[in-house]
PDB file of N, CA and C in Angstrom:
ATOM      1  N   MET A   1     158.721-111.109-163.201  1.00  0.00           N
ATOM      2  CA  MET A   1     159.815-111.293-162.026  1.00  0.00           C
ATOM      3  C   MET A   1     159.876-113.157-161.987  1.00  0.00           C
ATOM      4  N   THR A   2     161.140-113.003-161.131  1.00  0.00           N
ATOM      5  CA  THR A   2     161.518-113.919-160.746  1.00  0.00           C
ATOM      6  C   THR A   2     161.477-114.344-159.315  1.00  0.00           C
ATOM      7  N   SER A   3     161.208-116.081-158.375  1.00  0.00           N
ATOM      8  CA  SER A   3     161.530-115.823-157.383  1.00  0.00           C
ATOM      9  C   SER A   3     162.519-116.282-156.882  1.00  0.00           C
ATOM     10  N   PRO A   4     163.366-115.910-155.640  1.00  0.00           N
ATOM     11  CA  PRO A   4     164.584-115.733-154.830  1.00  0.00           C
ATOM     12  C   PRO A   4     165.246-117.267-154.996  1.00  0.00           C
ATOM     13  N   THR A   5     166.385-117.401-155.153  1.00  0.00           N
ATOM     14  CA  THR A   5     166.849-118.765-155.295  1.00  0.00           C
ATOM     15  C   THR A   5     167.011-119.224-153.778  1.00  0.00           C
ATOM     16  N   ALA A   6     167.416-120.153-153.280  1.00  0.00           N
ATOM     17  CA  ALA A   6     167.542-120.600-152.477  1.00  0.00           C
ATOM     18  C   ALA A   6     168.729-119.953-151.769  1.00  0.00           C
ATOM     19  N   PRO A   7     169.967-120.058-152.171  1.00  0.00           N
ATOM     20  CA  PRO A   7     170.855-119.093-152.024  1.00  0.00           C
ATOM     21  C   PRO A   7     171.129-117.774-151.209  1.00  0.00           C
ATOM     22  N   ASP A   8     170.139-117.276-152.051  1.00  0.00           N
ATOM     23  CA  ASP A   8     169.228-115.547-152.180  1.00  0.00           C
ATOM     24  C   ASP A   8     168.818-115.641-151.074  1.00  0.00           C
ATOM     25  N   LEU A   9     167.667-116.505-150.885  1.00  0.00           N
ATOM     26  CA  LEU A   9     167.132-116.277-149.439  1.00  0.00           C
ATOM     27  C   LEU A   9     167.553-116.914-148.233  1.00  0.00           C
ATOM     28  N   ARG A  10     168.388-117.823-148.471  1.00  0.00           N
ATOM     29  CA  ARG A  10     169.727-118.137-147.012  1.00  0.00           C
ATOM     30  C   ARG A  10     170.233-117.018-146.888  1.00  0.00           C
ATOM     31  N   THR A  11     171.119-116.235-147.842  1.00  0.00           N
ATOM     32  CA  THR A  11     171.381-115.041-147.474  1.00  0.00           C
ATOM     33  C   THR A  11     170.762-113.787-147.427  1.00  0.00           C
ATOM     34  N   ALA A  12     169.367-113.512-147.445  1.00  0.00           N
ATOM     35  CA  ALA A  12     168.462-112.425-146.880  1.00  0.00           C
ATOM     36  C   ALA A  12     168.269-112.718-145.341  1.00  0.00           C
ATOM     37  N   LEU A  13     167.930-114.209-145.382  1.00  0.00           N
ATOM     38  CA  LEU A  13     167.666-114.789-143.713  1.00  0.00           C
ATOM     39  C   LEU A  13     169.039-114.457-142.691  1.00  0.00           C
ATOM     40  N   ALA A  14     170.173-114.964-143.171  1.00  0.00           N
ATOM     41  CA  ALA A  14     171.228-114.593-142.394  1.00  0.00           C
ATOM     42  C   ALA A  14     171.608-112.987-141.914  1.00  0.00           C
ATOM     43  N   ILE A  15     171.392-112.063-143.180  1.00  0.00           N
ATOM     44  CA  ILE A  15     171.723-110.525-142.992  1.00  0.00           C
ATOM     45  C   ILE A  15     170.532-110.175-141.654  1.00  0.00           C
ATOM     46  N   GLY A  16     169.393-110.626-142.512  1.00  0.00           N
ATOM     47  CA  GLY A  16     167.773-110.161-141.246  1.00  0.00           C
ATOM     48  C   GLY A  16     168.622-111.056-140.236  1.00  0.00           C
ATOM     49  N   LEU A  17     168.894-111.870-139.508  1.00  0.00           N
ATOM     50  CA  LEU A  17     168.912-112.391-138.451  1.00  0.00           C
ATOM     51  C   LEU A  17     170.205-111.552-137.872  1.00  0.00           C
ATOM     52  N   ALA A  18     171.138-111.655-138.609  1.00  0.00           N
ATOM     53  CA  ALA A  18     172.567-111.139-138.085  1.00  0.00           C
ATOM     54  C   ALA A  18     171.994-109.183-136.994  1.00  0.00           C
ATOM     55  N   ASP A  19     171.242-108.691-138.384  1.00  0.00           N
ATOM     56  CA  ASP A  19     170.738-107.219-137.967  1.00  0.00           C
ATOM     57  C   ASP A  19     169.884-107.230-136.621  1.00  0.00           C
ATOM     58  N   ALA A  20     168.686-108.288-136.602  1.00  0.00           N
ATOM     59  CA  ALA A  20     168.259-108.598-135.135  1.00  0.00           C
ATOM     60  C   ALA A  20     169.023-108.703-134.270  1.00  0.00           C
ATOM     61  N   LEU A  21     169.696-109.491-134.389  1.00  0.00           N
ATOM     62  CA  LEU A  21     170.541-109.979-132.797  1.00  0.00           C
ATOM     63  C   LEU A  21     172.019-108.888-132.724  1.00  0.00           C
ATOM     64  N   ALA A  22     171.997-108.520-133.554  1.00  0.00           N
ATOM     65  CA  ALA A  22     172.897-106.917-133.218  1.00  0.00           C
ATOM     66  C   ALA A  22     171.737-105.867-132.497  1.00  0.00           C
ATOM     67  N   PHE A  23     171.364-105.606-133.335  1.00  0.00           N
ATOM     68  CA  PHE A  23     170.219-104.634-132.703  1.00  0.00           C
ATOM     69  C   PHE A  23     169.870-104.593-131.017  1.00  0.00           C
ATOM     70  N   VAL A  24     169.211-106.078-130.865  1.00  0.00           N
ATOM     71  CA  VAL A  24     169.278-105.953-129.293  1.00  0.00           C
ATOM     72  C   VAL A  24     170.290-106.324-128.745  1.00  0.00           C
ATOM     73  N   ALA A  25     171.328-106.975-129.079  1.00  0.00           N
ATOM     74  CA  ALA A  25     172.534-106.932-128.522  1.00  0.00           C
ATOM     75  C   ALA A  25     173.260-105.778-128.152  1.00  0.00           C
ATOM     76  N   GLY A  26     173.150-104.622-129.153  1.00  0.00           N
ATOM     77  CA  GLY A  26     173.939-103.615-129.021  1.00  0.00           C
ATOM     78  C   GLY A  26     172.971-102.745-128.461  1.00  0.00           C
ATOM     79  N   GLY A  27     171.806-102.578-128.242  1.00  0.00           N
ATOM     80  CA  GLY A  27     171.217-101.976-127.235  1.00  0.00           C
ATOM     81  C   GLY A  27     171.220-102.308-126.122  1.00  0.00           C
ATOM     82  N   TRP A  28     171.355-103.464-125.644  1.00  0.00           N
ATOM     83  CA  TRP A  28     171.611-104.245-124.579  1.00  0.00           C
ATOM     84  C   TRP A  28     173.116-103.678-123.394  1.00  0.00           C
ATOM     85  N   LEU A  29     174.157-104.165-124.671  1.00  0.00           N
ATOM     86  CA  LEU A  29     175.257-103.313-124.378  1.00  0.00           C
ATOM     87  C   LEU A  29     175.110-102.123-123.991  1.00  0.00           C
ATOM     88  N   GLY A  30     174.467-101.331-125.020  1.00  0.00           N
ATOM     89  CA  GLY A  30     174.630 -99.598-124.743  1.00  0.00           C
ATOM     90  C   GLY A  30     173.749 -99.418-123.365  1.00  0.00           C
ATOM     91  N   TRP A  31     173.267-100.151-123.366  1.00  0.00           N
ATOM     92  CA  TRP A  31     172.184 -99.567-121.954  1.00  0.00           C
ATOM     93  C   TRP A  31     173.352-100.013-120.911  1.00  0.00           C
ATOM     94  N   GLN A  32     173.675-101.501-120.653  1.00  0.00           N
ATOM     95  CA  GLN A  32     174.721-101.361-119.685  1.00  0.00           C
ATOM     96  C   GLN A  32     175.818-100.807-119.399  1.00  0.00           C
ATOM     97  N   ALA A  33     176.259-100.102-120.823  1.00  0.00           N
ATOM     98  CA  ALA A  33     177.826 -98.957-120.629  1.00  0.00           C
ATOM     99  C   ALA A  33     176.635 -97.724-120.444  1.00  0.00           C
ATOM    100  N   GLY A  34     175.603 -97.507-120.331  1.00  0.00           N
ATOM    101  CA  GLY A  34     174.882 -96.129-119.788  1.00  0.00           C
ATOM    102  C   GLY A  34     174.641 -96.084-118.077  1.00  0.00           C
ATOM    103  N   ARG A  35     174.572 -97.260-117.714  1.00  0.00           N
ATOM    104  CA  ARG A  35     174.051 -97.518-116.254  1.00  0.00           C
ATOM    105  C   ARG A  35     175.271 -97.812-115.507  1.00  0.00           C
ATOM    106  N   ALA A  36     176.492 -98.120-116.081  1.00  0.00           N
ATOM    107  CA  ALA A  36     177.880 -98.267-115.776  1.00  0.00           C
ATOM    108  C   ALA A  36     178.225 -96.505-115.405  1.00  0.00           C
ATOM    109  N   VAL A  37     177.804 -95.695-115.738  1.00  0.00           N
ATOM    110  CA  VAL A  37     178.218 -94.339-115.704  1.00  0.00           C
ATOM    111  C   VAL A  37     177.508 -93.315-115.262  1.00  0.00           C
ATOM    112  N   GLY A  38     176.111 -94.068-114.845  1.00  0.00           N
ATOM    113  CA  GLY A  38     175.091 -93.375-114.107  1.00  0.00           C
ATOM    114  C   GLY A  38     174.202 -92.943-115.039  1.00  0.00           C
ATOM    115  N   LEU A  39     173.925 -93.360-116.023  1.00  0.00           N
ATOM    116  CA  LEU A  39     172.457 -92.510-117.077  1.00  0.00           C
ATOM    117  C   LEU A  39     171.874 -94.239-117.270  1.00  0.00           C
ATOM    118  N   ASP A  40     170.612 -94.605-116.548  1.00  0.00           N
ATOM    119  CA  ASP A  40     169.864 -95.489-116.725  1.00  0.00           C
ATOM    120  C   ASP A  40     168.422 -95.016-117.305  1.00  0.00           C
ATOM    121  N   PHE A  41     168.475 -95.227-118.742  1.00  0.00           N
ATOM    122  CA  PHE A  41     167.399 -94.621-119.410  1.00  0.00           C
ATOM    123  C   PHE A  41     165.819 -95.235-119.305  1.00  0.00           C
ATOM    124  N   VAL A  42     165.828 -96.521-118.765  1.00  0.00           N
ATOM    125  CA  VAL A  42     164.329 -97.510-118.477  1.00  0.00           C
ATOM    126  C   VAL A  42     164.090 -97.057-117.157  1.00  0.00           C
ATOM    127  N   HIS A  43     164.717 -96.527-115.742  1.00  0.00           N
ATOM    128  CA  HIS A  43     164.500 -96.212-115.062  1.00  0.00           C
ATOM    129  C   HIS A  43     164.190 -94.831-114.451  1.00  0.00           C
ATOM    130  N   LEU A  44     164.282 -94.273-115.639  1.00  0.00           N
ATOM    131  CA  LEU A  44     163.992 -92.451-115.512  1.00  0.00           C
ATOM    132  C   LEU A  44     162.592 -92.255-115.774  1.00  0.00           C
ATOM    133  N   GLU A  45     161.706 -91.165-115.194  1.00  0.00           N
ATOM    134  CA  GLU A  45     160.652 -90.820-115.349  1.00  0.00           C
ATOM    135  C   GLU A  45     160.653 -89.760-116.343  1.00  0.00           C
ATOM    136  N   GLY A  46     159.310 -89.566-117.228  1.00  0.00           N
ATOM    137  CA  GLY A  46     159.350 -88.643-117.882  1.00  0.00           C
ATOM    138  C   GLY A  46     160.389 -88.478-118.873  1.00  0.00           C
ATOM    139  N   TRP A  47     160.417 -87.313-120.036  1.00  0.00           N
ATOM    140  CA  TRP A  47     161.421 -87.169-120.841  1.00  0.00           C
ATOM    141  C   TRP A  47     161.677 -85.854-120.758  1.00  0.00           C
ATOM    142  N   GLY A  48     162.721 -85.598-120.199  1.00  0.00           N
ATOM    143  CA  GLY A  48     163.519 -84.539-119.945  1.00  0.00           C
ATOM    144  C   GLY A  48     165.108 -84.351-120.973  1.00  0.00           C
ATOM    145  N   THR A  49     165.998 -83.574-120.343  1.00  0.00           N
ATOM    146  CA  THR A  49     167.603 -83.891-120.742  1.00  0.00           C
ATOM    147  C   THR A  49     168.100 -85.335-120.440  1.00  0.00           C
ATOM    148  N   GLU A  50     167.673 -85.167-119.669  1.00  0.00           N
ATOM    149  CA  GLU A  50     168.400 -86.741-118.867  1.00  0.00           C
ATOM    150  C   GLU A  50     167.992 -88.013-119.460  1.00  0.00           C
ATOM    151  N   ALA A  51     166.762 -87.685-119.892  1.00  0.00           N
ATOM    152  CA  ALA A  51     166.708 -89.102-120.420  1.00  0.00           C
ATOM    153  C   ALA A  51     167.050 -89.074-121.996  1.00  0.00           C
ATOM    154  N   PHE A  52     167.212 -87.963-122.693  1.00  0.00           N
ATOM    155  CA  PHE A  52     167.851 -88.031-124.048  1.00  0.00           C
ATOM    156  C   PHE A  52     169.262 -88.576-124.070  1.00  0.00           C
ATOM    157  N   VAL A  53     169.823 -88.144-122.920  1.00  0.00           N
ATOM    158  CA  VAL A  53     171.301 -88.011-122.640  1.00  0.00           C
ATOM    159  C   VAL A  53     171.416 -89.397-122.436  1.00  0.00           C
ATOM    160  N   ALA A  54     170.490 -90.267-121.603  1.00  0.00           N
ATOM    161  CA  ALA A  54     170.508 -91.431-120.969  1.00  0.00           C
ATOM    162  C   ALA A  54     170.424 -92.705-122.076  1.00  0.00           C
ATOM    163  N   LEU A  55     169.773 -91.662-123.242  1.00  0.00           N
ATOM    164  CA  LEU A  55     169.503 -92.873-124.480  1.00  0.00           C
ATOM    165  C   LEU A  55     170.479 -92.896-125.574  1.00  0.00           C
ATOM    166  N   LEU A  56     171.384 -92.049-125.919  1.00  0.00           N
ATOM    167  CA  LEU A  56     172.641 -91.861-126.021  1.00  0.00           C
ATOM    168  C   LEU A  56     173.197 -93.052-126.619  1.00  0.00           C
ATOM    169  N   PRO A  57     173.867 -93.592-125.091  1.00  0.00           N
ATOM    170  CA  PRO A  57     174.418 -94.920-125.247  1.00  0.00           C
ATOM    171  C   PRO A  57     173.810 -96.184-125.789  1.00  0.00           C
ATOM    172  N   ILE A  58     172.509 -96.036-125.640  1.00  0.00           N
ATOM    173  CA  ILE A  58     171.585 -96.943-126.263  1.00  0.00           C
ATOM    174  C   ILE A  58     171.849 -97.255-127.773  1.00  0.00           C
ATOM    175  N   LEU A  59     171.466 -95.775-127.947  1.00  0.00           N
ATOM    176  CA  LEU A  59     171.354 -95.763-129.642  1.00  0.00           C
ATOM    177  C   LEU A  59     173.205 -96.295-130.052  1.00  0.00           C
ATOM    178  N   ALA A  60     174.113 -95.286-129.507  1.00  0.00           N
ATOM    179  CA  ALA A  60     175.107 -95.788-130.025  1.00  0.00           C
ATOM    180  C   ALA A  60     175.702 -97.189-130.083  1.00  0.00           C
ATOM    181  N   GLY A  61     174.813 -97.828-129.471  1.00  0.00           N
ATOM    182  CA  GLY A  61     174.906 -99.593-129.119  1.00  0.00           C
ATOM    183  C   GLY A  61     174.629-100.240-130.322  1.00  0.00           C
ATOM    184  N   ILE A  62     173.112 -99.753-130.575  1.00  0.00           N
ATOM    185  CA  ILE A  62     172.401-100.485-131.678  1.00  0.00           C
ATOM    186  C   ILE A  62     172.859-100.124-133.079  1.00  0.00           C
ATOM    187  N   GLY A  63     173.861 -98.866-132.931  1.00  0.00           N
ATOM    188  CA  GLY A  63     174.170 -98.542-134.516  1.00  0.00           C
ATOM    189  C   GLY A  63     175.612 -99.403-134.427  1.00  0.00           C
ATOM    190  N   LEU A  64     176.615 -99.270-133.664  1.00  0.00           N
ATOM    191  CA  LEU A  64     177.790-100.261-133.601  1.00  0.00           C
ATOM    192  C   LEU A  64     177.663-101.514-133.694  1.00  0.00           C
ATOM    193  N   GLY A  65     176.427-102.364-132.848  1.00  0.00           N
ATOM    194  CA  GLY A  65     176.340-103.542-133.361  1.00  0.00           C
ATOM    195  C   GLY A  65     175.822-104.231-135.101  1.00  0.00           C
ATOM    196  N   ARG A  66     174.907-102.979-135.087  1.00  0.00           N
ATOM    197  CA  ARG A  66     174.382-103.357-136.603  1.00  0.00           C
ATOM    198  C   ARG A  66     175.716-103.489-137.528  1.00  0.00           C
ATOM    199  N   TRP A  67     176.155-102.708-136.757  1.00  0.00           N
ATOM    200  CA  TRP A  67     177.495-102.315-138.314  1.00  0.00           C
ATOM    201  C   TRP A  67     178.416-103.100-138.189  1.00  0.00           C
ATOM    202  N   LEU A  68     178.571-103.296-136.828  1.00  0.00           N
ATOM    203  CA  LEU A  68     179.413-104.878-136.507  1.00  0.00           C
ATOM    204  C   LEU A  68     179.267-106.071-137.000  1.00  0.00           C
ATOM    205  N   ALA A  69     177.674-106.500-137.248  1.00  0.00           N
ATOM    206  CA  ALA A  69     176.876-107.204-137.901  1.00  0.00           C
ATOM    207  C   ALA A  69     177.037-107.527-139.333  1.00  0.00           C
ATOM    208  N   ARG A  70     176.606-106.362-140.066  1.00  0.00           N
ATOM    209  CA  ARG A  70     176.943-106.176-141.617  1.00  0.00           C
ATOM    210  C   ARG A  70     178.350-106.378-141.526  1.00  0.00           C
ATOM    211  N   ALA A  71     179.586-105.932-141.048  1.00  0.00           N
ATOM    212  CA  ALA A  71     180.505-106.266-141.696  1.00  0.00           C
ATOM    213  C   ALA A  71     180.983-107.693-141.364  1.00  0.00           C
ATOM    214  N   VAL A  72     180.328-108.375-140.248  1.00  0.00           N
ATOM    215  CA  VAL A  72     180.611-109.828-140.502  1.00  0.00           C
ATOM    216  C   VAL A  72     180.155-110.731-141.386  1.00  0.00           C
ATOM    217  N   VAL A  73     178.900-110.586-141.723  1.00  0.00           N
ATOM    218  CA  VAL A  73     178.042-111.055-142.834  1.00  0.00           C
ATOM    219  C   VAL A  73     178.916-110.169-144.101  1.00  0.00           C
ATOM    220  N   ARG A  74     179.581-109.463-143.934  1.00  0.00           N
ATOM    221  CA  ARG A  74     179.882-108.969-145.697  1.00  0.00           C
ATOM    222  C   ARG A  74     180.966-110.467-145.782  1.00  0.00           C
ATOM    223  N   ARG A  75     181.850-110.089-144.951  1.00  0.00           N
ATOM    224  CA  ARG A  75     183.016-110.666-144.768  1.00  0.00           C
ATOM    225  C   ARG A  75     182.427-112.285-144.955  1.00  0.00           C
ATOM    226  N   LEU A  76     181.769-112.815-143.898  1.00  0.00           N
ATOM    227  CA  LEU A  76     181.615-113.915-144.641  1.00  0.00           C
ATOM    228  C   LEU A  76     181.357-114.532-145.885  1.00  0.00           C
ATOM    229  N   LEU A  77     180.093-113.823-146.373  1.00  0.00           N
ATOM    230  CA  LEU A  77     179.552-113.532-148.002  1.00  0.00           C
ATOM    231  C   LEU A  77     180.886-113.692-148.819  1.00  0.00           C
ATOM    232  N   LEU A  78     181.716-113.026-148.624  1.00  0.00           N
ATOM    233  CA  LEU A  78     182.831-112.843-149.575  1.00  0.00           C
ATOM    234  C   LEU A  78     183.801-114.123-149.660  1.00  0.00           C
ATOM    235  N   ARG A  79     184.071-114.572-148.245  1.00  0.00           N
ATOM    236  CA  ARG A  79     184.514-115.577-147.999  1.00  0.00           C
ATOM    237  C   ARG A  79     183.728-116.803-149.002  1.00  0.00           C
ATOM    238  N   ALA A  80     182.561-117.008-148.237  1.00  0.00           N
ATOM    239  CA  ALA A  80     182.035-118.519-149.159  1.00  0.00           C
ATOM    240  C   ALA A  80     181.604-117.603-150.306  1.00  0.00           C
ATOM    241  N   GLY A  81     181.701-116.868-151.411  1.00  0.00           N
ATOM    242  CA  GLY A  81     181.741-116.778-152.670  1.00  0.00           C
ATOM    243  C   GLY A  81     182.929-117.164-153.456  1.00  0.00           C
ATOM    244  N   GLY A  82     183.679-116.849-152.384  1.00  0.00           N
ATOM    245  CA  GLY A  82     185.407-117.314-152.556  1.00  0.00           C
ATOM    246  C   GLY A  82     185.933-118.169-153.235  1.00  0.00           C
ATOM    247  N   ALA A  83     185.210-119.085-151.940  1.00  0.00           N
ATOM    248  CA  ALA A  83     185.328-120.445-152.056  1.00  0.00           C
ATOM    249  C   ALA A  83     184.833-121.244-152.732  1.00  0.00           C
ATOM    250  N   ALA A  84     183.502-120.665-153.564  1.00  0.00           N
ATOM    251  CA  ALA A  84     182.650-121.567-154.356  1.00  0.00           C
ATOM    252  C   ALA A  84     183.169-121.176-155.388  1.00  0.00           C
ATOM    253  N   ARG A  85     183.683-120.073-156.126  1.00  0.00           N
ATOM    254  CA  ARG A  85     184.605-119.678-157.330  1.00  0.00           C
ATOM    255  C   ARG A  85     185.775-120.560-157.228  1.00  0.00           C
ATOM    256  N   GLY A  86     186.255-120.706-156.437  1.00  0.00           N
ATOM    257  CA  GLY A  86     187.735-121.849-156.356  1.00  0.00           C
ATOM    258  C   GLY A  86     188.740-121.477-157.331  1.00  0.00           C
TER     259      GLY A  86
END
């Protein structure tokens, strides 16, 4: 088994960092969107229907954030690969 080369490691690091940042930012934006419509998951007590409904915007924000981050990273990697092949 060979060790990863420097570009492969940089690519993996970029993808991981983009995923992590998008996960946090998307979750925060989803929470803020939920709060804007009266669904504040963080300040609810207990696990009832209201808590699960209030969690939905956060989960949607996380999913959309990761999807967007991966699309941007994919586009940047394709652009860098095309420029390198030239």
